[in-house]
N, C-alpha and C. Protein backbone atom coordinates (compact mmCIF):
# COMPACT_ATOMS: atom_id res chain seq x y z
N UNK A 1 2.61 -169.26 35.11
CA UNK A 1 3.73 -169.63 34.80
C UNK A 1 3.58 -171.32 35.12
N UNK A 2 4.04 -172.44 34.25
CA UNK A 2 4.22 -173.30 34.25
C UNK A 2 5.34 -174.24 34.63
N UNK A 3 5.56 -175.36 35.46
CA UNK A 3 6.87 -175.89 35.46
C UNK A 3 6.73 -177.20 35.39
N UNK A 4 7.84 -177.76 34.85
CA UNK A 4 8.11 -179.28 34.56
C UNK A 4 9.02 -179.33 35.16
N UNK A 5 8.96 -180.75 36.08
CA UNK A 5 9.71 -181.14 37.31
C UNK A 5 10.68 -182.29 36.56
N UNK A 6 11.44 -182.82 36.98
CA UNK A 6 12.35 -183.74 36.91
C UNK A 6 11.54 -185.11 36.09
N UNK A 7 10.61 -185.29 36.92
CA UNK A 7 9.60 -186.42 36.55
C UNK A 7 9.01 -186.22 34.88
N UNK A 8 9.11 -184.82 34.80
CA UNK A 8 7.91 -184.55 33.38
C UNK A 8 6.67 -184.11 33.31
N UNK A 9 6.71 -184.17 35.02
CA UNK A 9 5.17 -183.59 34.75
C UNK A 9 5.25 -181.85 35.10
N UNK A 10 4.30 -181.51 34.69
CA UNK A 10 4.05 -180.10 34.67
C UNK A 10 2.89 -179.55 36.52
N UNK A 11 3.49 -178.60 36.93
CA UNK A 11 3.04 -177.96 37.95
C UNK A 11 2.78 -176.72 37.99
N UNK A 12 2.08 -176.17 38.55
CA UNK A 12 1.07 -174.78 37.96
C UNK A 12 1.61 -173.66 39.20
N UNK A 13 2.41 -172.92 39.11
CA UNK A 13 2.65 -171.90 40.02
C UNK A 13 1.90 -170.60 39.78
N UNK A 14 1.28 -170.28 40.70
CA UNK A 14 0.82 -168.64 40.31
C UNK A 14 1.98 -167.47 40.89
N UNK A 15 2.37 -166.08 40.30
CA UNK A 15 3.00 -165.43 40.64
C UNK A 15 3.53 -165.63 41.71
N UNK A 16 2.89 -165.47 43.35
CA UNK A 16 3.25 -165.49 44.14
C UNK A 16 4.37 -166.85 44.44
N UNK A 17 3.43 -167.83 44.16
CA UNK A 17 4.32 -169.01 44.79
C UNK A 17 5.43 -169.06 43.30
N UNK A 18 5.40 -168.51 42.51
CA UNK A 18 6.63 -168.98 41.85
C UNK A 18 7.87 -167.87 42.56
N UNK A 19 7.75 -166.73 42.81
CA UNK A 19 8.63 -165.97 43.03
C UNK A 19 9.20 -166.53 44.68
N UNK A 20 8.38 -166.93 45.45
CA UNK A 20 8.55 -167.78 46.73
C UNK A 20 9.53 -168.85 46.34
N UNK A 21 9.50 -169.53 45.44
CA UNK A 21 10.20 -170.46 45.27
C UNK A 21 11.84 -170.19 44.69
N UNK A 22 11.72 -169.06 43.40
CA UNK A 22 12.94 -168.67 43.31
C UNK A 22 13.32 -167.63 44.29
N UNK A 23 13.06 -167.24 45.06
CA UNK A 23 13.80 -166.59 46.70
C UNK A 23 14.48 -167.48 47.46
N UNK A 24 13.56 -168.75 47.34
CA UNK A 24 14.10 -169.94 48.12
C UNK A 24 15.73 -170.62 47.46
N UNK A 25 15.51 -170.52 45.93
CA UNK A 25 16.37 -170.91 45.26
C UNK A 25 17.69 -170.10 45.46
N UNK A 26 17.15 -168.74 45.02
CA UNK A 26 18.52 -167.84 45.61
C UNK A 26 18.72 -167.23 46.95
N UNK A 27 18.19 -168.40 47.81
CA UNK A 27 18.57 -167.45 49.76
C UNK A 27 18.47 -166.23 49.64
N UNK A 28 17.09 -165.45 48.61
CA UNK A 28 16.70 -164.66 49.46
C UNK A 28 15.49 -164.17 50.58
N UNK A 29 15.28 -163.29 50.85
CA UNK A 29 14.47 -163.27 52.41
C UNK A 29 13.16 -162.45 51.24
N UNK A 30 11.78 -162.44 52.17
CA UNK A 30 11.22 -162.88 51.58
C UNK A 30 10.64 -161.50 50.61
N UNK A 31 11.15 -160.09 51.21
CA UNK A 31 10.66 -159.09 50.08
C UNK A 31 12.28 -158.71 49.48
N UNK A 32 13.21 -159.37 49.61
CA UNK A 32 14.33 -158.98 49.08
C UNK A 32 14.24 -159.03 47.24
N UNK A 33 14.88 -158.00 46.91
CA UNK A 33 14.96 -157.97 45.40
C UNK A 33 16.49 -157.86 44.70
N UNK A 34 16.48 -157.45 43.48
CA UNK A 34 17.69 -157.00 42.81
C UNK A 34 17.97 -157.99 41.49
N UNK A 35 18.77 -158.36 41.24
CA UNK A 35 19.72 -159.00 39.96
C UNK A 35 19.93 -160.47 40.57
N UNK A 36 19.69 -161.83 40.41
CA UNK A 36 20.60 -162.56 40.98
C UNK A 36 20.82 -163.56 39.76
N UNK A 37 22.23 -163.93 39.77
CA UNK A 37 22.50 -165.29 38.83
C UNK A 37 22.09 -166.69 39.42
N UNK A 38 21.57 -167.71 38.42
CA UNK A 38 21.42 -168.83 39.38
C UNK A 38 22.27 -169.93 38.58
N UNK A 39 23.16 -170.39 39.74
CA UNK A 39 24.20 -170.97 39.33
C UNK A 39 23.91 -172.36 38.87
N UNK A 40 23.99 -172.88 37.59
CA UNK A 40 24.14 -173.90 36.55
C UNK A 40 22.50 -174.46 36.23
N UNK A 41 22.04 -173.40 36.79
CA UNK A 41 20.30 -173.40 36.05
C UNK A 41 19.96 -174.23 37.46
N UNK A 42 18.13 -173.73 37.37
CA UNK A 42 17.24 -174.74 38.30
C UNK A 42 17.65 -175.92 37.62
N UNK A 43 16.62 -176.71 38.43
CA UNK A 43 16.47 -177.94 37.92
C UNK A 43 15.24 -178.29 37.57
N UNK A 44 14.45 -177.46 36.88
CA UNK A 44 13.36 -177.51 36.60
C UNK A 44 13.41 -177.03 35.03
N UNK A 45 12.15 -177.13 34.22
CA UNK A 45 12.36 -176.15 32.95
C UNK A 45 10.77 -175.26 33.37
N UNK A 46 10.99 -174.01 32.93
CA UNK A 46 9.81 -172.91 32.99
C UNK A 46 9.17 -173.09 31.38
N UNK A 47 8.14 -173.02 31.59
CA UNK A 47 7.15 -173.20 30.42
C UNK A 47 6.04 -171.44 30.49
N UNK A 48 6.87 -170.59 29.56
CA UNK A 48 6.23 -169.66 29.71
C UNK A 48 5.18 -168.89 28.11
N UNK A 49 4.06 -169.09 28.21
CA UNK A 49 3.16 -168.71 27.85
C UNK A 49 3.33 -167.25 27.34
N UNK A 50 4.31 -166.68 26.40
CA UNK A 50 4.75 -165.69 26.01
C UNK A 50 4.07 -164.89 24.77
N UNK A 51 3.99 -163.66 24.22
CA UNK A 51 3.56 -163.23 23.74
C UNK A 51 4.41 -163.73 22.27
N UNK A 52 3.73 -164.28 20.79
CA UNK A 52 4.28 -164.81 19.98
C UNK A 52 3.23 -164.46 18.68
N UNK A 53 3.90 -164.36 17.27
CA UNK A 53 3.36 -164.10 16.65
C UNK A 53 3.55 -164.42 15.39
N UNK A 54 2.62 -164.96 14.33
CA UNK A 54 3.42 -165.22 12.80
C UNK A 54 3.43 -163.94 12.27
N UNK A 55 4.32 -163.87 11.10
CA UNK A 55 5.13 -162.36 10.89
C UNK A 55 4.81 -162.66 9.28
N UNK A 56 5.32 -163.53 8.49
CA UNK A 56 4.97 -163.74 7.01
C UNK A 56 5.40 -165.01 6.77
N UNK A 57 4.96 -165.46 5.42
CA UNK A 57 5.39 -166.93 4.99
C UNK A 57 6.91 -166.54 4.11
N UNK A 58 8.09 -167.39 4.59
CA UNK A 58 9.30 -167.05 4.32
C UNK A 58 9.35 -167.83 2.55
N UNK A 59 10.62 -167.45 1.67
CA UNK A 59 10.31 -168.12 0.71
C UNK A 59 11.10 -169.79 0.91
N UNK A 60 11.81 -170.02 2.03
CA UNK A 60 11.85 -171.44 2.29
C UNK A 60 10.87 -172.57 2.31
N UNK A 61 9.45 -171.78 2.44
CA UNK A 61 8.53 -172.24 2.78
C UNK A 61 8.44 -172.31 4.77
N UNK A 62 9.16 -171.98 5.16
CA UNK A 62 8.57 -171.73 6.61
C UNK A 62 8.27 -170.46 6.90
N UNK A 63 7.67 -170.29 8.12
CA UNK A 63 6.96 -169.58 8.63
C UNK A 63 7.64 -168.66 9.46
N UNK A 64 7.64 -166.92 9.49
CA UNK A 64 8.81 -166.51 10.18
C UNK A 64 7.69 -165.87 11.61
N UNK A 65 8.19 -166.36 12.27
CA UNK A 65 6.94 -165.87 13.89
C UNK A 65 8.55 -165.34 14.88
N UNK A 66 7.38 -164.48 15.75
CA UNK A 66 8.42 -163.49 16.93
C UNK A 66 7.77 -165.18 17.87
N UNK A 67 9.07 -165.43 18.75
CA UNK A 67 8.28 -166.60 19.72
C UNK A 67 8.60 -165.64 20.96
N UNK A 68 8.74 -165.02 21.01
CA UNK A 68 8.98 -164.34 22.77
C UNK A 68 9.04 -163.05 22.65
N UNK A 69 8.45 -161.68 23.37
CA UNK A 69 8.70 -160.41 23.46
C UNK A 69 8.91 -159.92 24.83
N UNK A 70 9.13 -158.94 24.87
CA UNK A 70 9.18 -158.18 26.52
C UNK A 70 7.82 -157.79 27.07
N UNK A 71 6.72 -158.29 26.85
CA UNK A 71 5.44 -157.76 26.84
C UNK A 71 5.13 -158.42 28.21
N UNK A 72 4.63 -157.45 29.24
CA UNK A 72 4.18 -158.26 30.44
C UNK A 72 2.95 -159.02 30.13
N UNK A 73 3.01 -160.43 30.88
CA UNK A 73 2.55 -161.42 30.40
C UNK A 73 1.32 -161.51 31.82
N UNK A 74 0.45 -162.61 31.97
CA UNK A 74 -0.83 -162.45 32.63
C UNK A 74 0.12 -162.59 34.16
N UNK A 75 0.87 -162.70 34.34
CA UNK A 75 1.32 -163.53 35.72
C UNK A 75 2.23 -162.56 36.32
N UNK A 76 2.03 -161.62 35.12
CA UNK A 76 3.06 -160.03 36.09
C UNK A 76 4.47 -160.34 35.60
N UNK A 77 4.95 -160.83 34.44
CA UNK A 77 6.74 -161.47 33.92
C UNK A 77 6.47 -161.29 33.01
N UNK A 78 7.98 -160.65 33.05
CA UNK A 78 8.68 -160.27 31.42
C UNK A 78 9.73 -161.40 31.12
N UNK A 79 10.54 -161.43 30.04
CA UNK A 79 11.43 -162.04 29.66
C UNK A 79 12.47 -161.23 28.77
N UNK A 80 13.55 -160.85 28.95
CA UNK A 80 14.45 -160.11 28.10
C UNK A 80 15.02 -160.72 27.22
N UNK A 81 14.64 -159.76 26.20
CA UNK A 81 15.05 -160.45 24.82
C UNK A 81 16.38 -160.15 24.71
N UNK A 82 17.08 -159.68 25.26
CA UNK A 82 18.92 -159.29 25.52
C UNK A 82 19.08 -160.63 26.12
N UNK A 83 18.56 -161.63 26.63
CA UNK A 83 18.76 -162.71 27.66
C UNK A 83 18.82 -164.21 27.07
N UNK A 84 18.72 -164.06 25.57
CA UNK A 84 18.07 -165.40 25.70
C UNK A 84 19.29 -165.82 24.83
N UNK A 85 19.79 -167.23 25.03
CA UNK A 85 21.17 -168.15 24.95
C UNK A 85 20.43 -169.48 24.22
N UNK A 86 20.32 -169.34 22.93
CA UNK A 86 19.86 -170.72 22.08
C UNK A 86 20.90 -171.18 21.35
N UNK A 87 22.36 -171.16 21.95
CA UNK A 87 23.64 -171.75 21.27
C UNK A 87 23.13 -173.50 21.47
N UNK A 88 22.86 -174.02 22.62
CA UNK A 88 22.39 -175.55 22.44
C UNK A 88 20.96 -175.73 21.83
N UNK A 89 20.17 -175.06 21.78
CA UNK A 89 18.85 -175.34 21.03
C UNK A 89 18.97 -175.54 19.83
N UNK A 90 20.24 -174.69 18.83
CA UNK A 90 20.32 -174.74 17.67
C UNK A 90 20.58 -175.80 17.02
N UNK A 91 21.19 -176.89 17.96
CA UNK A 91 21.80 -178.38 17.82
C UNK A 91 20.44 -179.42 17.71
N UNK A 92 19.88 -179.21 18.32
CA UNK A 92 18.37 -179.70 18.18
C UNK A 92 17.01 -178.42 18.08
N UNK A 93 17.11 -178.09 17.40
CA UNK A 93 15.90 -177.16 16.77
C UNK A 93 14.48 -177.42 16.84
N UNK A 94 14.11 -178.38 17.75
CA UNK A 94 12.55 -178.95 17.93
C UNK A 94 11.31 -177.93 18.11
N UNK A 95 10.43 -177.89 17.11
CA UNK A 95 9.36 -177.33 17.54
C UNK A 95 8.37 -178.54 18.07
N UNK A 96 7.65 -178.62 19.03
CA UNK A 96 6.63 -179.59 19.80
C UNK A 96 5.02 -178.97 19.39
N UNK A 97 4.46 -179.74 20.43
CA UNK A 97 3.30 -179.48 20.47
C UNK A 97 2.87 -179.42 21.01
N UNK A 98 2.47 -178.40 22.21
CA UNK A 98 1.85 -177.90 23.04
C UNK A 98 3.07 -178.46 24.40
N UNK A 99 4.14 -178.97 24.19
CA UNK A 99 5.24 -179.16 25.06
C UNK A 99 5.04 -180.65 25.34
N UNK A 100 4.75 -180.99 24.46
CA UNK A 100 4.79 -182.73 24.50
C UNK A 100 6.07 -183.51 24.43
N UNK A 101 6.58 -183.90 25.34
CA UNK A 101 8.23 -184.82 24.96
C UNK A 101 7.72 -185.94 24.64
N UNK A 102 6.72 -186.30 24.89
CA UNK A 102 6.43 -187.87 24.46
C UNK A 102 5.65 -188.31 23.41
N UNK A 103 5.93 -187.18 22.30
CA UNK A 103 5.43 -187.36 20.83
C UNK A 103 6.51 -186.60 20.10
N UNK A 104 6.56 -187.05 18.96
CA UNK A 104 7.70 -186.59 18.06
C UNK A 104 7.44 -184.69 17.81
N UNK A 105 8.31 -184.25 17.44
CA UNK A 105 8.40 -182.90 17.25
C UNK A 105 7.40 -182.96 15.75
N UNK A 106 6.64 -181.56 15.37
CA UNK A 106 5.82 -181.29 14.65
C UNK A 106 6.73 -180.58 13.86
N UNK A 107 7.74 -179.88 13.52
CA UNK A 107 8.68 -179.45 12.71
C UNK A 107 9.66 -178.64 13.56
N UNK A 108 10.51 -177.80 12.77
CA UNK A 108 11.99 -177.60 13.29
C UNK A 108 11.69 -175.83 13.14
N UNK A 109 12.46 -175.25 14.33
CA UNK A 109 13.04 -173.72 13.99
C UNK A 109 14.38 -173.45 13.29
N UNK A 110 14.58 -172.53 12.52
CA UNK A 110 15.57 -172.05 11.49
C UNK A 110 16.29 -170.72 11.84
N UNK A 111 16.76 -170.33 11.47
CA UNK A 111 16.95 -169.03 11.33
C UNK A 111 17.24 -168.23 12.59
N UNK A 112 17.09 -168.20 13.90
CA UNK A 112 17.04 -167.69 14.95
C UNK A 112 17.54 -166.60 15.15
N UNK A 113 17.22 -165.37 15.73
CA UNK A 113 18.08 -164.33 16.28
C UNK A 113 16.81 -163.23 17.59
N UNK A 114 17.84 -162.46 17.62
CA UNK A 114 17.24 -161.30 18.86
C UNK A 114 17.24 -160.37 18.51
N UNK A 115 16.51 -159.13 18.73
CA UNK A 115 16.84 -157.95 18.52
C UNK A 115 15.97 -157.14 19.54
N UNK A 116 16.04 -155.99 19.80
CA UNK A 116 14.80 -155.23 20.98
C UNK A 116 13.17 -155.30 20.70
N UNK A 117 13.29 -155.86 20.11
CA UNK A 117 11.27 -156.46 19.90
C UNK A 117 11.31 -158.01 20.67
N UNK A 118 12.35 -159.02 20.29
CA UNK A 118 12.32 -160.06 20.82
C UNK A 118 12.88 -161.38 20.44
N UNK A 119 12.55 -162.19 20.79
CA UNK A 119 13.46 -163.33 19.85
C UNK A 119 12.41 -163.46 18.73
N UNK A 120 12.91 -163.99 17.37
CA UNK A 120 12.33 -164.38 16.34
C UNK A 120 12.87 -165.95 15.28
N UNK A 121 12.27 -166.50 14.64
CA UNK A 121 12.83 -167.47 13.95
C UNK A 121 12.06 -167.91 12.48
N UNK A 122 12.34 -169.09 12.29
CA UNK A 122 11.55 -169.36 11.11
C UNK A 122 10.97 -170.37 11.48
N UNK A 123 9.70 -171.20 11.34
CA UNK A 123 9.10 -171.97 11.43
C UNK A 123 9.08 -172.98 10.40
N UNK A 124 9.55 -174.32 10.48
CA UNK A 124 8.88 -175.05 9.37
C UNK A 124 8.36 -176.48 9.89
N UNK A 125 7.46 -176.57 9.57
CA UNK A 125 6.34 -177.85 9.89
C UNK A 125 6.39 -178.93 8.80
N UNK A 126 6.49 -180.02 9.74
CA UNK A 126 6.92 -181.60 8.51
C UNK A 126 5.78 -181.88 7.95
N UNK A 127 6.73 -182.26 6.74
CA UNK A 127 5.91 -182.86 5.65
C UNK A 127 4.47 -183.50 5.83
N UNK A 128 3.79 -183.88 4.72
CA UNK A 128 2.42 -184.50 5.36
C UNK A 128 2.95 -185.84 4.95
N UNK A 129 3.53 -186.22 3.84
CA UNK A 129 4.17 -187.66 3.52
C UNK A 129 4.93 -188.66 4.60
N UNK A 130 5.00 -187.99 5.84
CA UNK A 130 5.91 -188.42 6.55
C UNK A 130 4.97 -188.15 8.17
N UNK A 131 4.47 -187.11 8.30
CA UNK A 131 4.01 -186.47 9.07
C UNK A 131 2.94 -185.72 9.11
N UNK A 132 1.63 -186.66 9.26
CA UNK A 132 0.19 -186.35 8.71
C UNK A 132 -0.19 -184.95 9.95
N UNK A 133 0.21 -185.38 11.09
CA UNK A 133 -0.49 -184.65 12.62
C UNK A 133 0.14 -183.32 12.61
N UNK A 134 1.42 -183.49 12.61
CA UNK A 134 2.68 -182.25 12.50
C UNK A 134 1.99 -181.46 11.08
N UNK A 135 2.41 -181.87 10.03
CA UNK A 135 1.65 -180.99 9.13
C UNK A 135 0.67 -180.37 8.99
N UNK A 136 -0.85 -181.16 9.81
CA UNK A 136 -2.00 -180.66 10.16
C UNK A 136 -1.78 -179.85 11.16
N UNK A 137 -0.97 -179.51 11.74
CA UNK A 137 -0.63 -178.62 12.78
C UNK A 137 -0.49 -177.00 12.01
N UNK A 138 0.76 -177.24 11.10
CA UNK A 138 1.08 -176.49 10.06
C UNK A 138 -0.07 -175.82 9.30
N UNK A 139 -1.04 -176.78 8.83
CA UNK A 139 -2.22 -176.17 8.37
C UNK A 139 -3.22 -175.26 8.77
N UNK A 140 -3.38 -175.56 10.12
CA UNK A 140 -4.23 -174.81 11.25
C UNK A 140 -3.75 -173.55 11.52
N UNK A 141 -2.27 -173.63 11.80
CA UNK A 141 -1.59 -172.31 11.53
C UNK A 141 -1.39 -171.55 10.50
N UNK A 142 -1.46 -171.95 9.52
CA UNK A 142 -1.53 -170.90 7.76
C UNK A 142 -3.07 -170.31 7.51
N UNK A 143 -4.46 -171.05 8.31
CA UNK A 143 -5.39 -170.64 8.11
C UNK A 143 -6.07 -170.01 9.39
N UNK A 144 -5.02 -169.81 10.27
CA UNK A 144 -5.74 -169.06 11.59
C UNK A 144 -6.33 -169.67 12.75
N UNK A 145 -6.21 -170.62 12.20
CA UNK A 145 -7.08 -171.40 13.59
C UNK A 145 -6.41 -171.80 14.77
N UNK A 146 -5.39 -171.82 14.69
CA UNK A 146 -4.13 -171.90 15.94
C UNK A 146 -3.31 -170.80 15.65
N UNK A 147 -3.20 -169.83 16.59
CA UNK A 147 -2.39 -168.48 16.73
C UNK A 147 -1.61 -168.36 17.95
N UNK A 148 -1.25 -168.96 18.79
CA UNK A 148 -0.87 -169.36 19.94
C UNK A 148 0.43 -170.10 19.63
N UNK A 149 1.78 -169.81 20.64
CA UNK A 149 2.55 -170.16 21.20
C UNK A 149 3.31 -170.21 22.12
N UNK A 150 4.41 -171.00 23.15
CA UNK A 150 5.44 -170.18 24.25
C UNK A 150 6.68 -171.21 24.39
N UNK A 151 7.19 -170.51 24.71
CA UNK A 151 8.51 -171.22 25.22
C UNK A 151 9.22 -171.82 26.63
N UNK A 152 9.32 -172.92 26.47
CA UNK A 152 9.86 -173.98 27.34
C UNK A 152 11.74 -173.60 27.62
N UNK A 153 12.04 -172.73 28.94
CA UNK A 153 13.60 -172.19 28.62
C UNK A 153 13.80 -172.91 30.28
N UNK A 154 15.37 -172.56 30.28
CA UNK A 154 15.60 -172.79 31.79
C UNK A 154 16.82 -171.67 32.41
N UNK A 155 15.91 -171.15 33.66
CA UNK A 155 16.66 -169.72 34.03
C UNK A 155 17.98 -169.81 34.97
N UNK A 156 18.85 -168.43 34.54
CA UNK A 156 20.03 -168.59 34.48
C UNK A 156 20.26 -167.20 35.48
N UNK A 157 19.47 -166.31 34.99
CA UNK A 157 19.69 -164.60 35.83
C UNK A 157 18.08 -164.40 35.64
N UNK A 158 17.53 -163.81 36.91
CA UNK A 158 16.63 -163.37 37.07
C UNK A 158 16.80 -161.91 38.05
N UNK A 159 15.42 -161.71 37.22
CA UNK A 159 15.66 -159.56 38.67
C UNK A 159 13.98 -159.71 39.59
N UNK A 160 14.18 -158.92 40.73
CA UNK A 160 12.72 -159.36 41.01
C UNK A 160 13.04 -157.71 41.54
N UNK A 161 11.73 -156.88 40.75
CA UNK A 161 11.78 -155.30 40.96
C UNK A 161 11.61 -155.07 42.34
N UNK A 162 12.38 -153.63 42.92
CA UNK A 162 11.83 -153.33 43.83
C UNK A 162 10.41 -152.45 43.70
N UNK A 163 9.58 -152.30 44.78
CA UNK A 163 8.26 -151.93 44.32
C UNK A 163 8.41 -150.80 44.01
N UNK A 164 9.48 -149.74 43.48
CA UNK A 164 9.19 -148.62 43.30
C UNK A 164 9.33 -149.07 41.56
N UNK A 165 10.15 -150.19 41.07
CA UNK A 165 10.26 -150.51 39.79
C UNK A 165 9.25 -151.43 39.36
N UNK A 166 8.40 -151.54 40.21
CA UNK A 166 7.51 -152.75 39.76
C UNK A 166 6.01 -151.34 39.79
N UNK A 167 6.24 -150.48 39.51
CA UNK A 167 4.89 -150.15 40.05
C UNK A 167 4.00 -150.03 38.50
N UNK A 168 4.43 -150.47 37.50
CA UNK A 168 4.32 -151.21 36.18
C UNK A 168 3.32 -152.50 36.42
N UNK A 169 3.54 -153.08 37.57
CA UNK A 169 2.75 -154.59 37.72
C UNK A 169 3.45 -155.62 37.52
N UNK A 170 5.50 -155.42 37.23
CA UNK A 170 5.89 -156.25 36.99
C UNK A 170 6.67 -157.08 38.40
N UNK A 171 6.24 -158.13 38.26
CA UNK A 171 6.80 -158.51 39.66
C UNK A 171 7.94 -159.41 39.79
N UNK A 172 8.42 -159.77 38.09
CA UNK A 172 9.93 -160.60 37.69
C UNK A 172 9.92 -160.56 36.37
N UNK A 173 11.48 -160.93 36.05
CA UNK A 173 11.84 -160.70 35.29
C UNK A 173 13.19 -161.48 34.54
N UNK A 174 12.91 -162.02 33.55
CA UNK A 174 14.15 -162.84 33.69
C UNK A 174 14.82 -162.34 32.50
N UNK A 175 16.09 -162.61 33.17
CA UNK A 175 17.23 -161.72 32.85
C UNK A 175 18.62 -162.66 31.57
N UNK A 176 18.31 -163.59 32.08
CA UNK A 176 19.33 -164.65 31.07
C UNK A 176 18.64 -165.82 31.09
N UNK A 177 18.17 -166.24 29.91
CA UNK A 177 17.73 -168.04 29.91
C UNK A 177 18.14 -168.69 29.05
N UNK A 178 17.88 -170.09 29.60
CA UNK A 178 18.02 -170.82 27.93
C UNK A 178 17.53 -171.28 27.25
N UNK A 179 17.09 -171.35 25.85
CA UNK A 179 15.84 -172.01 25.15
C UNK A 179 15.91 -173.50 25.30
N UNK A 180 14.47 -174.34 25.68
CA UNK A 180 14.80 -175.55 25.37
C UNK A 180 14.06 -175.74 24.47
N UNK A 181 12.87 -175.02 24.41
CA UNK A 181 12.20 -175.43 22.97
C UNK A 181 11.06 -174.66 22.61
N UNK A 182 10.25 -174.69 21.73
CA UNK A 182 9.46 -174.13 21.36
C UNK A 182 8.30 -174.62 21.03
N UNK A 183 7.34 -174.15 21.52
CA UNK A 183 5.18 -175.00 20.98
C UNK A 183 5.12 -174.14 20.69
N UNK A 184 3.69 -175.03 19.53
CA UNK A 184 2.38 -174.35 19.12
C UNK A 184 1.84 -174.82 20.13
N UNK A 185 0.71 -174.38 20.48
CA UNK A 185 -0.63 -174.59 21.53
C UNK A 185 -1.80 -173.76 20.97
N UNK A 186 -2.99 -174.56 21.90
CA UNK A 186 -4.33 -174.30 21.41
C UNK A 186 -4.27 -172.55 21.90
N UNK A 187 -4.12 -172.33 23.14
CA UNK A 187 -4.92 -171.29 23.84
C UNK A 187 -3.88 -170.40 24.70
N UNK A 188 -3.45 -169.07 24.41
CA UNK A 188 -2.61 -168.50 25.06
C UNK A 188 -3.00 -168.29 26.27
N UNK A 189 -2.12 -167.95 27.26
CA UNK A 189 -2.52 -167.28 28.82
C UNK A 189 -2.32 -165.77 28.61
N UNK A 190 -1.14 -165.22 27.68
CA UNK A 190 -1.32 -163.93 27.72
C UNK A 190 -2.27 -163.14 25.91
N UNK A 191 -2.82 -162.37 26.36
CA UNK A 191 -4.01 -161.50 25.41
C UNK A 191 -3.02 -161.13 24.03
N UNK A 192 -1.98 -161.15 24.57
CA UNK A 192 -1.07 -160.52 23.21
C UNK A 192 -0.17 -161.77 22.36
N UNK A 193 -0.72 -162.90 22.51
CA UNK A 193 0.00 -164.34 21.92
C UNK A 193 -0.74 -164.28 21.06
N UNK A 194 -0.81 -163.74 19.67
CA UNK A 194 -1.88 -163.86 18.65
C UNK A 194 -0.55 -163.59 17.49
N UNK A 195 -1.22 -164.20 15.99
CA UNK A 195 -0.54 -164.06 14.44
C UNK A 195 -0.74 -162.28 14.73
N UNK A 196 0.25 -161.83 13.64
CA UNK A 196 -0.04 -160.37 13.03
C UNK A 196 -1.67 -160.05 12.66
N UNK A 197 -1.92 -160.97 12.00
CA UNK A 197 -3.14 -160.44 11.64
C UNK A 197 -4.91 -160.29 12.28
N UNK A 198 -4.38 -161.17 13.68
CA UNK A 198 -5.36 -161.09 14.49
C UNK A 198 -4.62 -159.72 15.62
N UNK A 199 -3.74 -159.50 16.17
CA UNK A 199 -2.70 -158.87 17.15
C UNK A 199 -3.38 -157.46 17.05
N UNK A 200 -4.25 -156.76 16.12
CA UNK A 200 -5.30 -155.43 16.45
C UNK A 200 -5.98 -155.90 17.35
N UNK A 201 -6.68 -156.92 17.49
CA UNK A 201 -7.77 -157.11 18.40
C UNK A 201 -7.45 -157.43 19.86
N UNK A 202 -6.38 -156.67 20.58
CA UNK A 202 -5.51 -156.85 21.73
C UNK A 202 -6.75 -156.67 22.98
N UNK A 203 -7.76 -156.51 22.84
CA UNK A 203 -8.67 -156.07 23.77
C UNK A 203 -9.84 -157.25 24.01
N UNK A 204 -9.76 -157.94 23.13
CA UNK A 204 -10.28 -159.19 23.82
C UNK A 204 -9.98 -160.08 24.56
N UNK A 205 -10.91 -160.53 25.67
CA UNK A 205 -10.43 -161.66 26.49
C UNK A 205 -10.02 -163.28 26.08
N UNK A 206 -9.21 -164.05 26.74
CA UNK A 206 -9.44 -165.14 26.28
C UNK A 206 -9.21 -166.30 27.48
N UNK A 207 -9.72 -167.50 27.72
CA UNK A 207 -10.01 -168.06 28.71
C UNK A 207 -8.32 -168.47 29.29
N UNK A 208 -8.82 -169.14 30.35
CA UNK A 208 -7.24 -169.29 31.26
C UNK A 208 -6.80 -170.48 30.43
N UNK A 209 -5.73 -170.81 29.99
CA UNK A 209 -5.03 -171.98 29.58
C UNK A 209 -4.13 -172.97 30.58
N UNK A 210 -3.57 -172.62 31.68
CA UNK A 210 -3.24 -173.44 32.51
C UNK A 210 -3.70 -174.74 32.52
N UNK A 211 -4.64 -174.92 33.24
CA UNK A 211 -5.58 -175.85 33.73
C UNK A 211 -5.44 -177.11 32.06
N UNK A 212 -5.74 -176.33 31.09
CA UNK A 212 -5.86 -177.12 29.84
C UNK A 212 -4.55 -177.56 29.71
N UNK A 213 -3.46 -176.93 29.58
CA UNK A 213 -1.93 -177.95 29.26
C UNK A 213 -1.61 -178.82 30.45
N UNK A 214 -2.09 -178.52 31.81
CA UNK A 214 -2.07 -179.34 33.13
C UNK A 214 -2.96 -180.72 32.43
N UNK A 215 -4.25 -180.75 32.21
CA UNK A 215 -4.79 -181.67 31.79
C UNK A 215 -4.72 -182.70 30.70
N UNK A 216 -4.09 -182.20 29.93
CA UNK A 216 -3.71 -182.45 28.83
C UNK A 216 -2.18 -183.10 28.55
N UNK A 217 -1.35 -182.83 29.73
CA UNK A 217 -0.50 -183.37 30.00
C UNK A 217 -0.22 -184.48 30.73
N UNK A 218 -0.37 -184.13 31.72
CA UNK A 218 -0.52 -185.17 32.91
C UNK A 218 -1.70 -185.94 33.48
N UNK A 219 -2.48 -185.92 32.57
CA UNK A 219 -3.98 -186.18 32.76
C UNK A 219 -4.64 -186.00 33.86
N UNK A 220 -4.19 -184.71 34.29
CA UNK A 220 -5.06 -184.60 35.48
C UNK A 220 -4.39 -184.07 36.67
N UNK A 221 -3.58 -184.32 36.41
CA UNK A 221 -2.57 -184.34 37.59
C UNK A 221 -1.84 -183.58 37.75
N UNK A 222 -1.56 -182.96 38.38
CA UNK A 222 -0.80 -181.32 38.13
C UNK A 222 -0.01 -180.80 39.18
N UNK A 223 0.58 -182.24 39.96
CA UNK A 223 1.16 -182.21 41.34
C UNK A 223 1.07 -181.92 42.64
């Protein structure tokens, strides 16, 4: 999990450190669990490098995407598809490059919806005439060079499973969360974060992504 603090810097936390942080925010004891609401949300943005895939090219010129699913990621966390709140995001549906807030959005999201499989929508990349960079990212996506993405969100409700419920490896479930942005990224931390045409090869390994994203965004300062 990656956190963005108030200063805009990224801070890397492993699963254990994130759980300790959340328990502290919620006033939970070290081994206490259950479902807890987060009043007014946390003062940090969480960046989840979660499963997403390109589904198809829509008639509108946008690409149909799955932004997030309930799959278990490399940090033993899940995001409940039923818990997404994207009402505010629809007023400013930016698609960013690698969670960069300091450069203009490379496109926009449209037609968002959720179902039991995840959070879905269309990604429309910027035109070449006014944004060659955003257009070029779209071309890389269309050609299969870039296949990954992630969501930035604000936590509203979490569940820390009991030892019995977490036998499948799940240590944390985000039950309610506000979508802040969606980003296209080079390398996923989740082995399922692939476009549909490559999703069959789920056994292939990938390098860790966290060091890359922090170096790119903070000049090597990970807080």
